[in-house]
């Protein structure tokens, strides 16, 4: 048996400890590097980071988009839009109308319509009483701003809510309220004069064809 003095034992222990420090540090550095790599490759939020060439970040949210379905929102309503491809400078014309709708440059529109050249929208009104500040909002939100709005109220000229007329006046839009037959003729005339005009039309209970003057 070899007995070491307290001083010799302390020196040997110190030597072992000093020799082990660099090795321990290297192992800690390697473990840290491995952990960092794993964290970069997979995170708890589902993102993927990669050092390869290409996008630095990939996520399912960047590659997919959710399309709104009618069942997603109870207030969602379908709207039919017809965009008319015509030569620059030519205007759309209303050719005829019936109790069911209108024929506008060959586009058949059922029910009340909002005519915003070059687009035709189904207008969600039933009678002149449904023409409110909300239902005319699409006309004053247009850019460039329309000059004149022609409203056709059916078989006869009806009185529109004064608050609606006041709103459109504040927006700088002149309003013509007529029965639908005259409103269609007025719209065609203003289009032929190349005015910036829109129309909100309610079908009358009769059918007719309009006489259009060909330039």
C-alpha atoms as a PDB file:
ATOM      1  CA  UNK A   1       0.000   0.000   0.000  1.00  0.00           C
ATOM      2  CA  UNK A   2       1.231   3.422  -0.954  1.00  0.00           C
ATOM      3  CA  UNK A   3       0.189   6.257   1.221  1.00  0.00           C
ATOM      4  CA  UNK A   4       0.182   9.756  -0.146  1.00  0.00           C
ATOM      5  CA  UNK A   5       0.590  12.753   1.947  1.00  0.00           C
ATOM      6  CA  UNK A   6      -2.171  15.324   1.955  1.00  0.00           C
ATOM      7  CA  UNK A   7      -0.056  17.688  -0.143  1.00  0.00           C
ATOM      8  CA  UNK A   8       0.688  15.061  -2.824  1.00  0.00           C
ATOM      9  CA  UNK A   9      -2.969  13.987  -3.025  1.00  0.00           C
ATOM     10  CA  UNK A  10      -4.083  17.593  -3.473  1.00  0.00           C
ATOM     11  CA  UNK A  11      -1.592  18.158  -6.303  1.00  0.00           C
ATOM     12  CA  UNK A  12      -2.716  15.016  -8.170  1.00  0.00           C
ATOM     13  CA  UNK A  13      -6.408  15.895  -7.757  1.00  0.00           C
ATOM     14  CA  UNK A  14      -5.780  19.396  -9.035  1.00  0.00           C
ATOM     15  CA  UNK A  15      -3.949  17.988 -12.059  1.00  0.00           C
ATOM     16  CA  UNK A  16      -6.811  15.663 -12.963  1.00  0.00           C
ATOM     17  CA  UNK A  17      -9.330  18.492 -12.610  1.00  0.00           C
ATOM     18  CA  UNK A  18      -7.260  20.851 -14.778  1.00  0.00           C
ATOM     19  CA  UNK A  19      -6.857  18.204 -17.494  1.00  0.00           C
ATOM     20  CA  UNK A  20     -10.613  17.442 -17.495  1.00  0.00           C
ATOM     21  CA  UNK A  21     -11.783  21.052 -17.959  1.00  0.00           C
ATOM     22  CA  UNK A  22     -10.911  21.390 -21.689  1.00  0.00           C
ATOM     23  CA  UNK A  23     -12.515  18.024 -22.480  1.00  0.00           C
ATOM     24  CA  UNK A  24     -15.675  18.943 -20.582  1.00  0.00           C
ATOM     25  CA  UNK A  25     -15.905  22.286 -22.375  1.00  0.00           C
ATOM     26  CA  UNK A  26     -15.566  20.635 -25.762  1.00  0.00           C
ATOM     27  CA  UNK A  27     -18.361  18.189 -24.928  1.00  0.00           C
ATOM     28  CA  UNK A  28     -20.604  21.000 -23.707  1.00  0.00           C
ATOM     29  CA  UNK A  29     -19.968  22.966 -26.893  1.00  0.00           C
ATOM     30  CA  UNK A  30     -20.844  19.941 -29.032  1.00  0.00           C
ATOM     31  CA  UNK A  31     -24.052  19.328 -27.060  1.00  0.00           C
ATOM     32  CA  UNK A  32     -25.019  22.977 -27.395  1.00  0.00           C
ATOM     33  CA  UNK A  33     -24.457  22.890 -31.141  1.00  0.00           C
ATOM     34  CA  UNK A  34     -26.605  19.769 -31.535  1.00  0.00           C
ATOM     35  CA  UNK A  35     -29.440  21.279 -29.507  1.00  0.00           C
ATOM     36  CA  UNK A  36     -29.301  24.501 -31.495  1.00  0.00           C
ATOM     37  CA  UNK A  37     -29.464  22.579 -34.767  1.00  0.00           C
ATOM     38  CA  UNK A  38     -32.490  20.609 -33.594  1.00  0.00           C
ATOM     39  CA  UNK A  39     -34.257  23.768 -32.468  1.00  0.00           C
ATOM     40  CA  UNK A  40     -33.633  25.402 -35.831  1.00  0.00           C
ATOM     41  CA  UNK A  41     -34.919  22.420 -37.788  1.00  0.00           C
ATOM     42  CA  UNK A  42     -38.088  21.938 -35.794  1.00  0.00           C
ATOM     43  CA  UNK A  43     -39.851  24.437 -33.626  1.00  0.00           C
ATOM     44  CA  UNK A  44     -43.045  24.153 -31.650  1.00  0.00           C
ATOM     45  CA  UNK A  45     -44.826  26.548 -34.045  1.00  0.00           C
ATOM     46  CA  UNK A  46     -44.532  24.303 -37.064  1.00  0.00           C
ATOM     47  CA  UNK A  47     -42.065  26.463 -38.990  1.00  0.00           C
ATOM     48  CA  UNK A  48     -39.132  24.910 -40.816  1.00  0.00           C
ATOM     49  CA  UNK A  49     -35.784  26.643 -40.965  1.00  0.00           C
ATOM     50  CA  UNK A  50     -33.144  25.351 -43.341  1.00  0.00           C
ATOM     51  CA  UNK A  51     -29.589  26.285 -44.219  1.00  0.00           C
ATOM     52  CA  UNK A  52     -30.010  24.988 -47.771  1.00  0.00           C
ATOM     53  CA  UNK A  53     -30.376  27.286 -50.731  1.00  0.00           C
ATOM     54  CA  UNK A  54     -33.951  28.471 -51.131  1.00  0.00           C
ATOM     55  CA  UNK A  55     -36.489  30.154 -48.898  1.00  0.00           C
ATOM     56  CA  UNK A  56     -35.335  30.655 -45.353  1.00  0.00           C
ATOM     57  CA  UNK A  57     -38.832  30.134 -43.976  1.00  0.00           C
ATOM     58  CA  UNK A  58     -41.558  27.763 -45.047  1.00  0.00           C
ATOM     59  CA  UNK A  59     -44.998  27.543 -43.479  1.00  0.00           C
ATOM     60  CA  UNK A  60     -48.380  26.084 -44.454  1.00  0.00           C
ATOM     61  CA  UNK A  61     -49.806  29.585 -44.000  1.00  0.00           C
ATOM     62  CA  UNK A  62     -47.579  30.902 -46.785  1.00  0.00           C
ATOM     63  CA  UNK A  63     -48.665  28.335 -49.348  1.00  0.00           C
ATOM     64  CA  UNK A  64     -52.405  28.063 -48.685  1.00  0.00           C
ATOM     65  CA  UNK A  65     -55.168  30.636 -48.579  1.00  0.00           C
ATOM     66  CA  UNK A  66     -58.711  30.154 -47.342  1.00  0.00           C
ATOM     67  CA  UNK A  67     -61.475  30.966 -49.781  1.00  0.00           C
ATOM     68  CA  UNK A  68     -64.662  32.277 -48.226  1.00  0.00           C
ATOM     69  CA  UNK A  69     -67.628  29.977 -48.759  1.00  0.00           C
ATOM     70  CA  UNK A  70     -71.250  31.027 -48.307  1.00  0.00           C
ATOM     71  CA  UNK A  71     -71.441  28.874 -45.171  1.00  0.00           C
ATOM     72  CA  UNK A  72     -68.544  30.782 -43.589  1.00  0.00           C
ATOM     73  CA  UNK A  73     -70.522  33.983 -43.177  1.00  0.00           C
ATOM     74  CA  UNK A  74     -74.254  34.303 -42.785  1.00  0.00           C
ATOM     75  CA  UNK A  75     -74.095  37.762 -44.339  1.00  0.00           C
ATOM     76  CA  UNK A  76     -72.279  36.496 -47.416  1.00  0.00           C
ATOM     77  CA  UNK A  77     -74.293  37.008 -50.592  1.00  0.00           C
ATOM     78  CA  UNK A  78     -73.508  36.060 -54.159  1.00  0.00           C
ATOM     79  CA  UNK A  79     -73.354  38.907 -56.683  1.00  0.00           C
ATOM     80  CA  UNK A  80     -73.331  38.445 -60.425  1.00  0.00           C
ATOM     81  CA  UNK A  81     -71.030  40.779 -62.340  1.00  0.00           C
ATOM     82  CA  UNK A  82     -70.764  41.198 -66.083  1.00  0.00           C
ATOM     83  CA  UNK A  83     -67.742  43.087 -67.418  1.00  0.00           C
ATOM     84  CA  UNK A  84     -68.232  44.349 -70.928  1.00  0.00           C
ATOM     85  CA  UNK A  85     -65.241  44.439 -73.263  1.00  0.00           C
ATOM     86  CA  UNK A  86     -65.725  47.339 -75.640  1.00  0.00           C
ATOM     87  CA  UNK A  87     -63.593  49.706 -77.635  1.00  0.00           C
ATOM     88  CA  UNK A  88     -62.260  52.727 -75.712  1.00  0.00           C
ATOM     89  CA  UNK A  89     -64.682  55.638 -75.854  1.00  0.00           C
ATOM     90  CA  UNK A  90     -67.802  53.570 -76.593  1.00  0.00           C
ATOM     91  CA  UNK A  91     -70.565  53.470 -74.021  1.00  0.00           C
ATOM     92  CA  UNK A  92     -72.930  50.749 -72.857  1.00  0.00           C
ATOM     93  CA  UNK A  93     -76.562  50.961 -73.900  1.00  0.00           C
ATOM     94  CA  UNK A  94     -79.814  49.593 -72.519  1.00  0.00           C
ATOM     95  CA  UNK A  95     -81.575  47.856 -75.426  1.00  0.00           C
ATOM     96  CA  UNK A  96     -84.780  46.696 -73.784  1.00  0.00           C
ATOM     97  CA  UNK A  97     -86.351  45.826 -70.469  1.00  0.00           C
ATOM     98  CA  UNK A  98     -89.166  43.705 -69.090  1.00  0.00           C
ATOM     99  CA  UNK A  99     -90.771  42.925 -65.771  1.00  0.00           C
ATOM    100  CA  UNK A 100     -87.988  40.360 -65.268  1.00  0.00           C
ATOM    101  CA  UNK A 101     -84.955  42.515 -65.995  1.00  0.00           C
ATOM    102  CA  UNK A 102     -82.887  44.270 -68.634  1.00  0.00           C
ATOM    103  CA  UNK A 103     -80.926  43.644 -71.811  1.00  0.00           C
ATOM    104  CA  UNK A 104     -77.775  45.745 -71.660  1.00  0.00           C
ATOM    105  CA  UNK A 105     -75.501  45.389 -74.679  1.00  0.00           C
ATOM    106  CA  UNK A 106     -76.581  41.767 -75.017  1.00  0.00           C
ATOM    107  CA  UNK A 107     -76.092  41.038 -71.308  1.00  0.00           C
ATOM    108  CA  UNK A 108     -79.328  39.805 -69.737  1.00  0.00           C
ATOM    109  CA  UNK A 109     -79.719  41.004 -66.163  1.00  0.00           C
ATOM    110  CA  UNK A 110     -82.497  39.611 -63.988  1.00  0.00           C
ATOM    111  CA  UNK A 111     -84.176  41.875 -61.473  1.00  0.00           C
ATOM    112  CA  UNK A 112     -83.066  45.320 -60.311  1.00  0.00           C
ATOM    113  CA  UNK A 113     -79.578  46.258 -61.434  1.00  0.00           C
ATOM    114  CA  UNK A 114     -76.863  48.791 -60.702  1.00  0.00           C
ATOM    115  CA  UNK A 115     -75.208  49.864 -63.933  1.00  0.00           C
ATOM    116  CA  UNK A 116     -71.657  51.039 -63.280  1.00  0.00           C
ATOM    117  CA  UNK A 117     -69.927  51.055 -66.679  1.00  0.00           C
ATOM    118  CA  UNK A 118     -68.190  48.856 -67.513  1.00  0.00           C
ATOM    119  CA  UNK A 119     -69.799  46.588 -64.867  1.00  0.00           C
ATOM    120  CA  UNK A 120     -73.352  45.437 -64.239  1.00  0.00           C
ATOM    121  CA  UNK A 121     -74.358  44.406 -60.708  1.00  0.00           C
ATOM    122  CA  UNK A 122     -77.525  42.890 -59.358  1.00  0.00           C
ATOM    123  CA  UNK A 123     -78.935  45.546 -57.044  1.00  0.00           C
ATOM    124  CA  UNK A 124     -80.433  44.260 -53.803  1.00  0.00           C
ATOM    125  CA  UNK A 125     -83.585  46.397 -53.756  1.00  0.00           C
ATOM    126  CA  UNK A 126     -87.219  45.447 -54.268  1.00  0.00           C
ATOM    127  CA  UNK A 127     -89.038  48.767 -54.537  1.00  0.00           C
ATOM    128  CA  UNK A 128     -88.188  52.456 -54.299  1.00  0.00           C
ATOM    129  CA  UNK A 129     -88.618  52.156 -50.521  1.00  0.00           C
ATOM    130  CA  UNK A 130     -85.489  49.983 -50.427  1.00  0.00           C
ATOM    131  CA  UNK A 131     -83.368  52.765 -51.930  1.00  0.00           C
ATOM    132  CA  UNK A 132     -81.537  53.848 -48.779  1.00  0.00           C
ATOM    133  CA  UNK A 133     -78.214  55.428 -47.874  1.00  0.00           C
ATOM    134  CA  UNK A 134     -76.765  51.937 -47.593  1.00  0.00           C
ATOM    135  CA  UNK A 135     -78.074  50.711 -50.951  1.00  0.00           C
ATOM    136  CA  UNK A 136     -76.635  53.723 -52.828  1.00  0.00           C
ATOM    137  CA  UNK A 137     -73.249  53.530 -51.095  1.00  0.00           C
ATOM    138  CA  UNK A 138     -71.741  51.631 -54.034  1.00  0.00           C
ATOM    139  CA  UNK A 139     -72.394  54.618 -56.303  1.00  0.00           C
ATOM    140  CA  UNK A 140     -70.483  57.232 -54.298  1.00  0.00           C
ATOM    141  CA  UNK A 141     -67.530  54.938 -53.551  1.00  0.00           C
ATOM    142  CA  UNK A 142     -66.533  54.710 -57.212  1.00  0.00           C
ATOM    143  CA  UNK A 143     -63.299  56.169 -58.536  1.00  0.00           C
ATOM    144  CA  UNK A 144     -63.319  58.216 -60.679  1.00  0.00           C
ATOM    145  CA  UNK A 145     -66.430  59.763 -59.174  1.00  0.00           C
ATOM    146  CA  UNK A 146     -69.593  59.632 -61.252  1.00  0.00           C
ATOM    147  CA  UNK A 147     -71.259  62.907 -62.247  1.00  0.00           C
ATOM    148  CA  UNK A 148     -74.875  61.778 -62.472  1.00  0.00           C
ATOM    149  CA  UNK A 149     -76.865  58.925 -60.967  1.00  0.00           C
ATOM    150  CA  UNK A 150     -80.074  57.982 -62.778  1.00  0.00           C
ATOM    151  CA  UNK A 151     -82.630  56.143 -60.645  1.00  0.00           C
ATOM    152  CA  UNK A 152     -85.487  54.254 -62.297  1.00  0.00           C
ATOM    153  CA  UNK A 153     -88.220  53.564 -59.766  1.00  0.00           C
ATOM    154  CA  UNK A 154     -90.490  51.246 -61.782  1.00  0.00           C
ATOM    155  CA  UNK A 155     -93.702  52.055 -63.621  1.00  0.00           C
ATOM    156  CA  UNK A 156     -93.864  55.600 -62.261  1.00  0.00           C
ATOM    157  CA  UNK A 157     -91.671  58.205 -60.657  1.00  0.00           C
ATOM    158  CA  UNK A 158     -91.552  57.655 -56.906  1.00  0.00           C
ATOM    159  CA  UNK A 159     -90.305  59.894 -54.135  1.00  0.00           C
ATOM    160  CA  UNK A 160     -86.888  58.947 -52.767  1.00  0.00           C
ATOM    161  CA  UNK A 161     -85.953  59.392 -49.114  1.00  0.00           C
ATOM    162  CA  UNK A 162     -84.620  62.976 -48.770  1.00  0.00           C
ATOM    163  CA  UNK A 163     -81.686  61.742 -46.675  1.00  0.00           C
ATOM    164  CA  UNK A 164     -80.501  59.659 -49.652  1.00  0.00           C
ATOM    165  CA  UNK A 165     -80.632  62.658 -51.990  1.00  0.00           C
ATOM    166  CA  UNK A 166     -78.824  64.799 -49.403  1.00  0.00           C
ATOM    167  CA  UNK A 167     -76.062  62.201 -49.040  1.00  0.00           C
ATOM    168  CA  UNK A 168     -75.464  62.019 -52.793  1.00  0.00           C
ATOM    169  CA  UNK A 169     -75.471  65.817 -53.026  1.00  0.00           C
ATOM    170  CA  UNK A 170     -72.768  65.987 -50.341  1.00  0.00           C
ATOM    171  CA  UNK A 171     -70.755  63.518 -52.403  1.00  0.00           C
ATOM    172  CA  UNK A 172     -71.018  65.809 -55.432  1.00  0.00           C
ATOM    173  CA  UNK A 173     -73.348  63.523 -57.422  1.00  0.00           C
ATOM    174  CA  UNK A 174     -76.399  64.860 -59.264  1.00  0.00           C
ATOM    175  CA  UNK A 175     -79.469  62.617 -59.138  1.00  0.00           C
ATOM    176  CA  UNK A 176     -82.215  62.077 -61.728  1.00  0.00           C
ATOM    177  CA  UNK A 177     -85.253  60.194 -60.383  1.00  0.00           C
ATOM    178  CA  UNK A 178     -87.645  58.970 -63.086  1.00  0.00           C
ATOM    179  CA  UNK A 179     -89.848  56.058 -64.000  1.00  0.00           C
ATOM    180  CA  UNK A 180     -87.749  53.224 -65.392  1.00  0.00           C
ATOM    181  CA  UNK A 181     -88.728  53.801 -69.047  1.00  0.00           C
ATOM    182  CA  UNK A 182     -87.521  57.407 -68.987  1.00  0.00           C
ATOM    183  CA  UNK A 183     -84.564  56.525 -66.765  1.00  0.00           C
ATOM    184  CA  UNK A 184     -83.291  54.058 -69.378  1.00  0.00           C
ATOM    185  CA  UNK A 185     -83.657  56.646 -72.140  1.00  0.00           C
ATOM    186  CA  UNK A 186     -81.922  59.289 -70.016  1.00  0.00           C
ATOM    187  CA  UNK A 187     -79.050  56.935 -69.242  1.00  0.00           C
ATOM    188  CA  UNK A 188     -78.588  56.115 -72.940  1.00  0.00           C
ATOM    189  CA  UNK A 189     -78.572  59.814 -73.831  1.00  0.00           C
ATOM    190  CA  UNK A 190     -75.998  60.685 -71.166  1.00  0.00           C
ATOM    191  CA  UNK A 191     -73.795  57.791 -72.281  1.00  0.00           C
ATOM    192  CA  UNK A 192     -73.970  59.035 -75.871  1.00  0.00           C
ATOM    193  CA  UNK A 193     -72.839  62.436 -74.560  1.00  0.00           C
ATOM    194  CA  UNK A 194     -69.884  60.654 -72.913  1.00  0.00           C
ATOM    195  CA  UNK A 195     -70.887  61.731 -69.430  1.00  0.00           C
ATOM    196  CA  UNK A 196     -69.663  59.835 -66.355  1.00  0.00           C
ATOM    197  CA  UNK A 197     -72.995  58.335 -65.372  1.00  0.00           C
ATOM    198  CA  UNK A 198     -74.378  55.367 -63.424  1.00  0.00           C
ATOM    199  CA  UNK A 199     -77.879  53.990 -63.034  1.00  0.00           C
ATOM    200  CA  UNK A 200     -79.934  52.117 -60.470  1.00  0.00           C
ATOM    201  CA  UNK A 201     -82.913  50.536 -62.184  1.00  0.00           C
ATOM    202  CA  UNK A 202     -85.990  48.656 -60.935  1.00  0.00           C
ATOM    203  CA  UNK A 203     -87.822  46.672 -63.650  1.00  0.00           C
ATOM    204  CA  UNK A 204     -91.315  47.982 -64.485  1.00  0.00           C
ATOM    205  CA  UNK A 205     -94.278  45.594 -64.840  1.00  0.00           C
ATOM    206  CA  UNK A 206     -94.321  45.954 -68.658  1.00  0.00           C
ATOM    207  CA  UNK A 207     -91.927  44.994 -71.439  1.00  0.00           C
ATOM    208  CA  UNK A 208     -90.585  47.191 -74.199  1.00  0.00           C
ATOM    209  CA  UNK A 209     -87.687  47.715 -76.569  1.00  0.00           C
ATOM    210  CA  UNK A 210     -85.887  51.037 -76.703  1.00  0.00           C
ATOM    211  CA  UNK A 211     -85.229  52.871 -79.929  1.00  0.00           C
ATOM    212  CA  UNK A 212     -81.513  53.569 -80.099  1.00  0.00           C
ATOM    213  CA  UNK A 213     -80.077  56.181 -82.395  1.00  0.00           C
ATOM    214  CA  UNK A 214     -77.043  54.832 -84.209  1.00  0.00           C
ATOM    215  CA  UNK A 215     -74.322  57.434 -84.695  1.00  0.00           C
END
